[in-house]
Amino acid sequence: MPSAHQLALYRGLQETLTNALKHAPEQPSTARLYREGAWLHLSVRNGLSPTHSSKVETRQPPRRGGLGLDGLRSRFEALGGSVQATRTQEVFEVCLTLPLTH
């Protein structure tokens, strides 16, 4: 795997776990790295904080210092991959996908 892909996966795991710690520190997180054909996937899931609501989230001022999911998306798309974030009432999940070769 190219070193750029390795770095992207490392940074992706770092960003998603940092977000989980910031937004739902009392909730468990799970990371899963797996291969599917010519693609490598990293899925990071965490529970949502009971006090966390989308209304509160949208009223907060933007945070400074990081590029967050938009930065990850740019990094992964530049390598031919993708980033998908999904949210249910109980779980937030980020799926990072990269081709094994690019």
PDB file of N, CA and C in Angstrom:
ATOM      1  N   MET A   1       0.846  -1.169   0.000  1.00  0.00           N
ATOM      2  CA  MET A   1       0.000   0.000   0.000  1.00  0.00           C
ATOM      3  C   MET A   1       0.899   1.242   0.000  1.00  0.00           C
ATOM      4  N   PRO A   2       0.579   2.221  -0.832  1.00  0.00           N
ATOM      5  CA  PRO A   2       1.394   3.437  -0.876  1.00  0.00           C
ATOM      6  C   PRO A   2       1.429   4.149   0.485  1.00  0.00           C
ATOM      7  N   SER A   3       2.522   4.813   0.754  1.00  0.00           N
ATOM      8  CA  SER A   3       2.666   5.502   2.042  1.00  0.00           C
ATOM      9  C   SER A   3       1.623   6.605   2.210  1.00  0.00           C
ATOM     10  N   ALA A   4       1.189   7.226   1.117  1.00  0.00           N
ATOM     11  CA  ALA A   4       0.145   8.252   1.216  1.00  0.00           C
ATOM     12  C   ALA A   4      -1.159   7.649   1.731  1.00  0.00           C
ATOM     13  N   HIS A   5      -1.453   6.417   1.329  1.00  0.00           N
ATOM     14  CA  HIS A   5      -2.653   5.728   1.800  1.00  0.00           C
ATOM     15  C   HIS A   5      -2.521   5.393   3.282  1.00  0.00           C
ATOM     16  N   GLN A   6      -1.341   4.938   3.677  1.00  0.00           N
ATOM     17  CA  GLN A   6      -1.107   4.620   5.088  1.00  0.00           C
ATOM     18  C   GLN A   6      -1.300   5.862   5.959  1.00  0.00           C
ATOM     19  N   LEU A   7      -0.751   6.986   5.510  1.00  0.00           N
ATOM     20  CA  LEU A   7      -0.885   8.228   6.264  1.00  0.00           C
ATOM     21  C   LEU A   7      -2.347   8.678   6.320  1.00  0.00           C
ATOM     22  N   ALA A   8      -3.061   8.542   5.207  1.00  0.00           N
ATOM     23  CA  ALA A   8      -4.467   8.928   5.183  1.00  0.00           C
ATOM     24  C   ALA A   8      -5.274   8.096   6.175  1.00  0.00           C
ATOM     25  N   LEU A   9      -5.030   6.801   6.221  1.00  0.00           N
ATOM     26  CA  LEU A   9      -5.743   5.951   7.172  1.00  0.00           C
ATOM     27  C   LEU A   9      -5.403   6.310   8.611  1.00  0.00           C
ATOM     28  N   TYR A  10      -4.139   6.569   8.870  1.00  0.00           N
ATOM     29  CA  TYR A  10      -3.711   6.974  10.207  1.00  0.00           C
ATOM     30  C   TYR A  10      -4.407   8.267  10.618  1.00  0.00           C
ATOM     31  N   ARG A  11      -4.359   9.263   9.737  1.00  0.00           N
ATOM     32  CA  ARG A  11      -4.993  10.552  10.038  1.00  0.00           C
ATOM     33  C   ARG A  11      -6.511  10.403  10.165  1.00  0.00           C
ATOM     34  N   GLY A  12      -7.083   9.530   9.350  1.00  0.00           N
ATOM     35  CA  GLY A  12      -8.519   9.292   9.440  1.00  0.00           C
ATOM     36  C   GLY A  12      -8.917   8.706  10.778  1.00  0.00           C
ATOM     37  N   LEU A  13      -8.168   7.731  11.233  1.00  0.00           N
ATOM     38  CA  LEU A  13      -8.443   7.136  12.544  1.00  0.00           C
ATOM     39  C   LEU A  13      -8.250   8.174  13.637  1.00  0.00           C
ATOM     40  N   GLN A  14      -7.199   8.952  13.532  1.00  0.00           N
ATOM     41  CA  GLN A  14      -6.918   9.993  14.520  1.00  0.00           C
ATOM     42  C   GLN A  14      -8.064  11.009  14.585  1.00  0.00           C
ATOM     43  N   GLU A  15      -8.512  11.473  13.439  1.00  0.00           N
ATOM     44  CA  GLU A  15      -9.582  12.477  13.387  1.00  0.00           C
ATOM     45  C   GLU A  15     -10.904  11.934  13.923  1.00  0.00           C
ATOM     46  N   THR A  16     -11.268  10.727  13.518  1.00  0.00           N
ATOM     47  CA  THR A  16     -12.557  10.187  13.940  1.00  0.00           C
ATOM     48  C   THR A  16     -12.574   9.891  15.438  1.00  0.00           C
ATOM     49  N   LEU A  17     -11.485   9.389  15.986  1.00  0.00           N
ATOM     50  CA  LEU A  17     -11.439   9.134  17.430  1.00  0.00           C
ATOM     51  C   LEU A  17     -11.393  10.437  18.222  1.00  0.00           C
ATOM     52  N   THR A  18     -10.712  11.444  17.698  1.00  0.00           N
ATOM     53  CA  THR A  18     -10.698  12.752  18.353  1.00  0.00           C
ATOM     54  C   THR A  18     -12.102  13.337  18.388  1.00  0.00           C
ATOM     55  N   ASN A  19     -12.824  13.231  17.270  1.00  0.00           N
ATOM     56  CA  ASN A  19     -14.206  13.724  17.224  1.00  0.00           C
ATOM     57  C   ASN A  19     -15.090  12.990  18.221  1.00  0.00           C
ATOM     58  N   ALA A  20     -14.931  11.680  18.303  1.00  0.00           N
ATOM     59  CA  ALA A  20     -15.726  10.902  19.255  1.00  0.00           C
ATOM     60  C   ALA A  20     -15.432  11.353  20.687  1.00  0.00           C
ATOM     61  N   LEU A  21     -14.184  11.580  20.991  1.00  0.00           N
ATOM     62  CA  LEU A  21     -13.796  12.021  22.325  1.00  0.00           C
ATOM     63  C   LEU A  21     -14.352  13.408  22.638  1.00  0.00           C
ATOM     64  N   LYS A  22     -14.359  14.299  21.657  1.00  0.00           N
ATOM     65  CA  LYS A  22     -14.892  15.652  21.846  1.00  0.00           C
ATOM     66  C   LYS A  22     -16.397  15.660  22.031  1.00  0.00           C
ATOM     67  N   HIS A  23     -17.100  14.906  21.181  1.00  0.00           N
ATOM     68  CA  HIS A  23     -18.556  15.012  21.121  1.00  0.00           C
ATOM     69  C   HIS A  23     -19.301  14.010  21.990  1.00  0.00           C
ATOM     70  N   ALA A  24     -18.661  12.903  22.314  1.00  0.00           N
ATOM     71  CA  ALA A  24     -19.333  11.882  23.132  1.00  0.00           C
ATOM     72  C   ALA A  24     -18.301  11.121  23.965  1.00  0.00           C
ATOM     73  N   PRO A  25     -17.633  11.826  24.884  1.00  0.00           N
ATOM     74  CA  PRO A  25     -16.518  11.204  25.611  1.00  0.00           C
ATOM     75  C   PRO A  25     -16.911  10.009  26.465  1.00  0.00           C
ATOM     76  N   GLU A  26     -18.146   9.944  26.878  1.00  0.00           N
ATOM     77  CA  GLU A  26     -18.576   8.838  27.739  1.00  0.00           C
ATOM     78  C   GLU A  26     -19.078   7.621  26.960  1.00  0.00           C
ATOM     79  N   GLN A  27     -19.058   7.708  25.638  1.00  0.00           N
ATOM     80  CA  GLN A  27     -19.574   6.627  24.800  1.00  0.00           C
ATOM     81  C   GLN A  27     -18.444   5.777  24.228  1.00  0.00           C
ATOM     82  N   PRO A  28     -18.672   4.472  24.060  1.00  0.00           N
ATOM     83  CA  PRO A  28     -17.638   3.610  23.468  1.00  0.00           C
ATOM     84  C   PRO A  28     -17.489   3.873  21.967  1.00  0.00           C
ATOM     85  N   SER A  29     -16.282   3.625  21.479  1.00  0.00           N
ATOM     86  CA  SER A  29     -15.982   3.735  20.045  1.00  0.00           C
ATOM     87  C   SER A  29     -15.423   2.405  19.569  1.00  0.00           C
ATOM     88  N   THR A  30     -15.695   2.090  18.296  1.00  0.00           N
ATOM     89  CA  THR A  30     -15.192   0.867  17.687  1.00  0.00           C
ATOM     90  C   THR A  30     -14.607   1.204  16.324  1.00  0.00           C
ATOM     91  N   ALA A  31     -13.404   0.709  16.076  1.00  0.00           N
ATOM     92  CA  ALA A  31     -12.771   0.892  14.764  1.00  0.00           C
ATOM     93  C   ALA A  31     -12.606  -0.478  14.126  1.00  0.00           C
ATOM     94  N   ARG A  32     -12.905  -0.543  12.833  1.00  0.00           N
ATOM     95  CA  ARG A  32     -12.788  -1.805  12.095  1.00  0.00           C
ATOM     96  C   ARG A  32     -12.092  -1.524  10.769  1.00  0.00           C
ATOM     97  N   LEU A  33     -10.990  -2.215  10.530  1.00  0.00           N
ATOM     98  CA  LEU A  33     -10.247  -2.100   9.281  1.00  0.00           C
ATOM     99  C   LEU A  33     -10.417  -3.412   8.531  1.00  0.00           C
ATOM    100  N   TYR A  34     -10.886  -3.344   7.275  1.00  0.00           N
ATOM    101  CA  TYR A  34     -11.089  -4.577   6.506  1.00  0.00           C
ATOM    102  C   TYR A  34     -10.915  -4.313   5.016  1.00  0.00           C
ATOM    103  N   ARG A  35     -10.615  -5.401   4.322  1.00  0.00           N
ATOM    104  CA  ARG A  35     -10.428  -5.365   2.871  1.00  0.00           C
ATOM    105  C   ARG A  35     -11.647  -5.977   2.207  1.00  0.00           C
ATOM    106  N   GLU A  36     -12.053  -5.346   1.105  1.00  0.00           N
ATOM    107  CA  GLU A  36     -13.162  -5.859   0.307  1.00  0.00           C
ATOM    108  C   GLU A  36     -12.740  -5.711  -1.154  1.00  0.00           C
ATOM    109  N   GLY A  37     -12.283  -6.809  -1.733  1.00  0.00           N
ATOM    110  CA  GLY A  37     -11.775  -6.761  -3.110  1.00  0.00           C
ATOM    111  C   GLY A  37     -10.542  -5.883  -3.187  1.00  0.00           C
ATOM    112  N   ALA A  38     -10.585  -4.891  -4.065  1.00  0.00           N
ATOM    113  CA  ALA A  38      -9.457  -3.979  -4.250  1.00  0.00           C
ATOM    114  C   ALA A  38      -9.571  -2.733  -3.370  1.00  0.00           C
ATOM    115  N   TRP A  39     -10.443  -2.765  -2.377  1.00  0.00           N
ATOM    116  CA  TRP A  39     -10.688  -1.604  -1.519  1.00  0.00           C
ATOM    117  C   TRP A  39     -10.369  -1.914  -0.069  1.00  0.00           C
ATOM    118  N   LEU A  40      -9.861  -0.911   0.615  1.00  0.00           N
ATOM    119  CA  LEU A  40      -9.604  -0.999   2.039  1.00  0.00           C
ATOM    120  C   LEU A  40     -10.565  -0.049   2.740  1.00  0.00           C
ATOM    121  N   HIS A  41     -11.222  -0.536   3.785  1.00  0.00           N
ATOM    122  CA  HIS A  41     -12.229   0.249   4.501  1.00  0.00           C
ATOM    123  C   HIS A  41     -11.836   0.396   5.965  1.00  0.00           C
ATOM    124  N   LEU A  42     -12.050   1.581   6.492  1.00  0.00           N
ATOM    125  CA  LEU A  42     -11.900   1.838   7.916  1.00  0.00           C
ATOM    126  C   LEU A  42     -13.220   2.418   8.388  1.00  0.00           C
ATOM    127  N   SER A  43     -13.868   1.707   9.282  1.00  0.00           N
ATOM    128  CA  SER A  43     -15.140   2.145   9.835  1.00  0.00           C
ATOM    129  C   SER A  43     -14.944   2.467  11.306  1.00  0.00           C
ATOM    130  N   VAL A  44     -15.347   3.663  11.705  1.00  0.00           N
ATOM    131  CA  VAL A  44     -15.255   4.070  13.107  1.00  0.00           C
ATOM    132  C   VAL A  44     -16.654   4.474  13.562  1.00  0.00           C
ATOM    133  N   ARG A  45     -17.124   3.788  14.609  1.00  0.00           N
ATOM    134  CA  ARG A  45     -18.472   4.030  15.149  1.00  0.00           C
ATOM    135  C   ARG A  45     -18.366   4.427  16.602  1.00  0.00           C
ATOM    136  N   ASN A  46     -19.226   5.356  16.999  1.00  0.00           N
ATOM    137  CA  ASN A  46     -19.326   5.686  18.415  1.00  0.00           C
ATOM    138  C   ASN A  46     -20.775   6.007  18.754  1.00  0.00           C
ATOM    139  N   GLY A  47     -21.112   5.736  19.995  1.00  0.00           N
ATOM    140  CA  GLY A  47     -22.440   6.100  20.478  1.00  0.00           C
ATOM    141  C   GLY A  47     -22.529   7.608  20.609  1.00  0.00           C
ATOM    142  N   LEU A  48     -23.751   8.110  20.584  1.00  0.00           N
ATOM    143  CA  LEU A  48     -23.964   9.541  20.759  1.00  0.00           C
ATOM    144  C   LEU A  48     -24.224   9.836  22.230  1.00  0.00           C
ATOM    145  N   SER A  49     -23.773  10.973  22.651  1.00  0.00           N
ATOM    146  CA  SER A  49     -24.001  11.410  24.018  1.00  0.00           C
ATOM    147  C   SER A  49     -25.497  11.610  24.231  1.00  0.00           C
ATOM    148  N   PRO A  50     -26.030  11.191  25.372  1.00  0.00           N
ATOM    149  CA  PRO A  50     -27.462  11.393  25.620  1.00  0.00           C
ATOM    150  C   PRO A  50     -27.862  12.862  25.583  1.00  0.00           C
ATOM    151  N   THR A  51     -26.950  13.756  25.886  1.00  0.00           N
ATOM    152  CA  THR A  51     -27.271  15.189  25.878  1.00  0.00           C
ATOM    153  C   THR A  51     -27.003  15.836  24.528  1.00  0.00           C
ATOM    154  N   HIS A  52     -26.451  15.070  23.579  1.00  0.00           N
ATOM    155  CA  HIS A  52     -26.100  15.610  22.266  1.00  0.00           C
ATOM    156  C   HIS A  52     -27.340  15.600  21.381  1.00  0.00           C
ATOM    157  N   SER A  53     -27.667  16.749  20.834  1.00  0.00           N
ATOM    158  CA  SER A  53     -28.787  16.814  19.887  1.00  0.00           C
ATOM    159  C   SER A  53     -28.370  17.638  18.689  1.00  0.00           C
ATOM    160  N   SER A  54     -29.008  17.388  17.563  1.00  0.00           N
ATOM    161  CA  SER A  54     -28.644  18.127  16.350  1.00  0.00           C
ATOM    162  C   SER A  54     -28.959  19.612  16.498  1.00  0.00           C
ATOM    163  N   LYS A  55     -29.970  19.962  17.292  1.00  0.00           N
ATOM    164  CA  LYS A  55     -30.297  21.374  17.482  1.00  0.00           C
ATOM    165  C   LYS A  55     -29.166  22.107  18.190  1.00  0.00           C
ATOM    166  N   VAL A  56     -28.620  21.483  19.212  1.00  0.00           N
ATOM    167  CA  VAL A  56     -27.508  22.096  19.936  1.00  0.00           C
ATOM    168  C   VAL A  56     -26.299  22.203  19.013  1.00  0.00           C
ATOM    169  N   GLU A  57     -26.042  21.160  18.249  1.00  0.00           N
ATOM    170  CA  GLU A  57     -24.875  21.126  17.364  1.00  0.00           C
ATOM    171  C   GLU A  57     -24.922  22.257  16.340  1.00  0.00           C
ATOM    172  N   THR A  58     -26.083  22.540  15.763  1.00  0.00           N
ATOM    173  CA  THR A  58     -26.160  23.549  14.716  1.00  0.00           C
ATOM    174  C   THR A  58     -26.059  24.960  15.278  1.00  0.00           C
ATOM    175  N   ARG A  59     -26.318  25.163  16.558  1.00  0.00           N
ATOM    176  CA  ARG A  59     -26.230  26.500  17.139  1.00  0.00           C
ATOM    177  C   ARG A  59     -24.827  26.824  17.628  1.00  0.00           C
ATOM    178  N   GLN A  60     -23.972  25.844  17.748  1.00  0.00           N
ATOM    179  CA  GLN A  60     -22.622  26.091  18.225  1.00  0.00           C
ATOM    180  C   GLN A  60     -21.818  26.810  17.143  1.00  0.00           C
ATOM    181  N   PRO A  61     -20.932  27.730  17.564  1.00  0.00           N
ATOM    182  CA  PRO A  61     -20.085  28.384  16.558  1.00  0.00           C
ATOM    183  C   PRO A  61     -19.118  27.381  15.961  1.00  0.00           C
ATOM    184  N   PRO A  62     -18.660  27.607  14.725  1.00  0.00           N
ATOM    185  CA  PRO A  62     -17.716  26.669  14.116  1.00  0.00           C
ATOM    186  C   PRO A  62     -16.444  26.580  14.945  1.00  0.00           C
ATOM    187  N   ARG A  63     -15.902  25.396  15.039  1.00  0.00           N
ATOM    188  CA  ARG A  63     -14.652  25.193  15.772  1.00  0.00           C
ATOM    189  C   ARG A  63     -13.492  25.520  14.869  1.00  0.00           C
ATOM    190  N   ARG A  64     -12.436  25.986  15.481  1.00  0.00           N
ATOM    191  CA  ARG A  64     -11.241  26.323  14.718  1.00  0.00           C
ATOM    192  C   ARG A  64     -10.128  25.355  15.045  1.00  0.00           C
ATOM    193  N   GLY A  65      -9.191  25.234  14.134  1.00  0.00           N
ATOM    194  CA  GLY A  65      -8.013  24.430  14.402  1.00  0.00           C
ATOM    195  C   GLY A  65      -7.886  23.219  13.498  1.00  0.00           C
ATOM    196  N   GLY A  66      -8.985  22.596  13.118  1.00  0.00           N
ATOM    197  CA  GLY A  66      -8.915  21.409  12.283  1.00  0.00           C
ATOM    198  C   GLY A  66      -9.843  21.518  11.096  1.00  0.00           C
ATOM    199  N   LEU A  67      -9.642  20.633  10.161  1.00  0.00           N
ATOM    200  CA  LEU A  67     -10.498  20.635   8.977  1.00  0.00           C
ATOM    201  C   LEU A  67     -11.593  19.590   9.084  1.00  0.00           C
ATOM    202  N   GLY A  68     -11.517  18.740  10.091  1.00  0.00           N
ATOM    203  CA  GLY A  68     -12.563  17.774  10.345  1.00  0.00           C
ATOM    204  C   GLY A  68     -12.868  16.864   9.179  1.00  0.00           C
ATOM    205  N   LEU A  69     -14.155  16.543   9.036  1.00  0.00           N
ATOM    206  CA  LEU A  69     -14.579  15.608   7.996  1.00  0.00           C
ATOM    207  C   LEU A  69     -14.342  16.162   6.592  1.00  0.00           C
ATOM    208  N   ASP A  70     -14.455  17.477   6.427  1.00  0.00           N
ATOM    209  CA  ASP A  70     -14.192  18.055   5.102  1.00  0.00           C
ATOM    210  C   ASP A  70     -12.736  17.855   4.706  1.00  0.00           C
ATOM    211  N   GLY A  71     -11.836  18.017   5.655  1.00  0.00           N
ATOM    212  CA  GLY A  71     -10.423  17.785   5.379  1.00  0.00           C
ATOM    213  C   GLY A  71     -10.141  16.336   5.047  1.00  0.00           C
ATOM    214  N   LEU A  72     -10.778  15.419   5.803  1.00  0.00           N
ATOM    215  CA  LEU A  72     -10.624  13.987   5.506  1.00  0.00           C
ATOM    216  C   LEU A  72     -11.158  13.662   4.122  1.00  0.00           C
ATOM    217  N   ARG A  73     -12.309  14.220   3.806  1.00  0.00           N
ATOM    218  CA  ARG A  73     -12.920  13.950   2.502  1.00  0.00           C
ATOM    219  C   ARG A  73     -11.987  14.401   1.377  1.00  0.00           C
ATOM    220  N   SER A  74     -11.404  15.569   1.508  1.00  0.00           N
ATOM    221  CA  SER A  74     -10.470  16.063   0.485  1.00  0.00           C
ATOM    222  C   SER A  74      -9.267  15.141   0.357  1.00  0.00           C
ATOM    223  N   ARG A  75      -8.708  14.728   1.488  1.00  0.00           N
ATOM    224  CA  ARG A  75      -7.531  13.856   1.484  1.00  0.00           C
ATOM    225  C   ARG A  75      -7.850  12.516   0.824  1.00  0.00           C
ATOM    226  N   PHE A  76      -8.977  11.913   1.179  1.00  0.00           N
ATOM    227  CA  PHE A  76      -9.324  10.593   0.649  1.00  0.00           C
ATOM    228  C   PHE A  76      -9.723  10.659  -0.823  1.00  0.00           C
ATOM    229  N   GLU A  77     -10.453  11.692  -1.213  1.00  0.00           N
ATOM    230  CA  GLU A  77     -10.837  11.825  -2.624  1.00  0.00           C
ATOM    231  C   GLU A  77      -9.617  12.043  -3.513  1.00  0.00           C
ATOM    232  N   ALA A  78      -8.611  12.750  -3.011  1.00  0.00           N
ATOM    233  CA  ALA A  78      -7.386  12.961  -3.786  1.00  0.00           C
ATOM    234  C   ALA A  78      -6.658  11.645  -4.049  1.00  0.00           C
ATOM    235  N   LEU A  79      -6.900  10.647  -3.194  1.00  0.00           N
ATOM    236  CA  LEU A  79      -6.271   9.330  -3.352  1.00  0.00           C
ATOM    237  C   LEU A  79      -7.204   8.315  -4.031  1.00  0.00           C
ATOM    238  N   GLY A  80      -8.349   8.791  -4.533  1.00  0.00           N
ATOM    239  CA  GLY A  80      -9.292   7.909  -5.216  1.00  0.00           C
ATOM    240  C   GLY A  80     -10.281   7.241  -4.287  1.00  0.00           C
ATOM    241  N   GLY A  81     -10.341   7.688  -3.049  1.00  0.00           N
ATOM    242  CA  GLY A  81     -11.232   7.074  -2.061  1.00  0.00           C
ATOM    243  C   GLY A  81     -12.425   7.951  -1.738  1.00  0.00           C
ATOM    244  N   SER A  82     -13.039   7.647  -0.597  1.00  0.00           N
ATOM    245  CA  SER A  82     -14.220   8.401  -0.191  1.00  0.00           C
ATOM    246  C   SER A  82     -14.366   8.392   1.326  1.00  0.00           C
ATOM    247  N   VAL A  83     -15.204   9.312   1.805  1.00  0.00           N
ATOM    248  CA  VAL A  83     -15.556   9.409   3.219  1.00  0.00           C
ATOM    249  C   VAL A  83     -17.065   9.546   3.301  1.00  0.00           C
ATOM    250  N   GLN A  84     -17.675   8.700   4.108  1.00  0.00           N
ATOM    251  CA  GLN A  84     -19.113   8.795   4.330  1.00  0.00           C
ATOM    252  C   GLN A  84     -19.365   8.844   5.824  1.00  0.00           C
ATOM    253  N   ALA A  85     -20.150   9.813   6.251  1.00  0.00           N
ATOM    254  CA  ALA A  85     -20.539   9.921   7.654  1.00  0.00           C
ATOM    255  C   ALA A  85     -22.046   9.730   7.747  1.00  0.00           C
ATOM    256  N   THR A  86     -22.464   8.874   8.651  1.00  0.00           N
ATOM    257  CA  THR A  86     -23.889   8.632   8.860  1.00  0.00           C
ATOM    258  C   THR A  86     -24.200   8.747  10.343  1.00  0.00           C
ATOM    259  N   ARG A  87     -25.418   9.120  10.611  1.00  0.00           N
ATOM    260  CA  ARG A  87     -25.844   9.307  11.991  1.00  0.00           C
ATOM    261  C   ARG A  87     -27.259   8.776  12.157  1.00  0.00           C
ATOM    262  N   THR A  88     -27.440   7.985  13.199  1.00  0.00           N
ATOM    263  CA  THR A  88     -28.776   7.568  13.597  1.00  0.00           C
ATOM    264  C   THR A  88     -29.050   8.235  14.943  1.00  0.00           C
ATOM    265  N   GLN A  89     -30.132   7.866  15.588  1.00  0.00           N
ATOM    266  CA  GLN A  89     -30.425   8.433  16.898  1.00  0.00           C
ATOM    267  C   GLN A  89     -29.425   7.972  17.950  1.00  0.00           C
ATOM    268  N   GLU A  90     -28.758   6.848  17.706  1.00  0.00           N
ATOM    269  CA  GLU A  90     -27.888   6.277  18.736  1.00  0.00           C
ATOM    270  C   GLU A  90     -26.412   6.192  18.339  1.00  0.00           C
ATOM    271  N   VAL A  91     -26.095   6.222  17.028  1.00  0.00           N
ATOM    272  CA  VAL A  91     -24.728   5.949  16.577  1.00  0.00           C
ATOM    273  C   VAL A  91     -24.292   6.948  15.511  1.00  0.00           C
ATOM    274  N   PHE A  92     -23.022   7.346  15.607  1.00  0.00           N
ATOM    275  CA  PHE A  92     -22.382   8.128  14.551  1.00  0.00           C
ATOM    276  C   PHE A  92     -21.294   7.245  13.963  1.00  0.00           C
ATOM    277  N   GLU A  93     -21.258   7.140  12.632  1.00  0.00           N
ATOM    278  CA  GLU A  93     -20.284   6.282  11.973  1.00  0.00           C
ATOM    279  C   GLU A  93     -19.634   7.013  10.814  1.00  0.00           C
ATOM    280  N   VAL A  94     -18.316   6.865  10.720  1.00  0.00           N
ATOM    281  CA  VAL A  94     -17.563   7.401   9.591  1.00  0.00           C
ATOM    282  C   VAL A  94     -16.907   6.218   8.889  1.00  0.00           C
ATOM    283  N   CYS A  95     -17.137   6.100   7.583  1.00  0.00           N
ATOM    284  CA  CYS A  95     -16.533   5.040   6.780  1.00  0.00           C
ATOM    285  C   CYS A  95     -15.558   5.673   5.800  1.00  0.00           C
ATOM    286  N   LEU A  96     -14.304   5.283   5.935  1.00  0.00           N
ATOM    287  CA  LEU A  96     -13.228   5.789   5.085  1.00  0.00           C
ATOM    288  C   LEU A  96     -12.839   4.658   4.130  1.00  0.00           C
ATOM    289  N   THR A  97     -12.768   4.946   2.842  1.00  0.00           N
ATOM    290  CA  THR A  97     -12.493   3.930   1.842  1.00  0.00           C
ATOM    291  C   THR A  97     -11.367   4.387   0.926  1.00  0.00           C
ATOM    292  N   LEU A  98     -10.426   3.461   0.670  1.00  0.00           N
ATOM    293  CA  LEU A  98      -9.308   3.750  -0.237  1.00  0.00           C
ATOM    294  C   LEU A  98      -9.070   2.565  -1.152  1.00  0.00           C
ATOM    295  N   PRO A  99      -8.678   2.838  -2.404  1.00  0.00           N
ATOM    296  CA  PRO A  99      -8.265   1.733  -3.266  1.00  0.00           C
ATOM    297  C   PRO A  99      -6.908   1.222  -2.779  1.00  0.00           C
ATOM    298  N   LEU A 100      -6.661  -0.065  -2.914  1.00  0.00           N
ATOM    299  CA  LEU A 100      -5.380  -0.602  -2.469  1.00  0.00           C
ATOM    300  C   LEU A 100      -4.225  -0.118  -3.334  1.00  0.00           C
ATOM    301  N   THR A 101      -4.513   0.230  -4.579  1.00  0.00           N
ATOM    302  CA  THR A 101      -3.501   0.828  -5.438  1.00  0.00           C
ATOM    303  C   THR A 101      -4.096   2.062  -6.087  1.00  0.00           C
ATOM    304  N   HIS A 102      -3.269   3.037  -6.391  1.00  0.00           N
ATOM    305  CA  HIS A 102      -3.757   4.270  -7.021  1.00  0.00           C
ATOM    306  C   HIS A 102      -2.691   4.851  -7.902  1.00  0.00           C
TER     307      HIS A 102
END
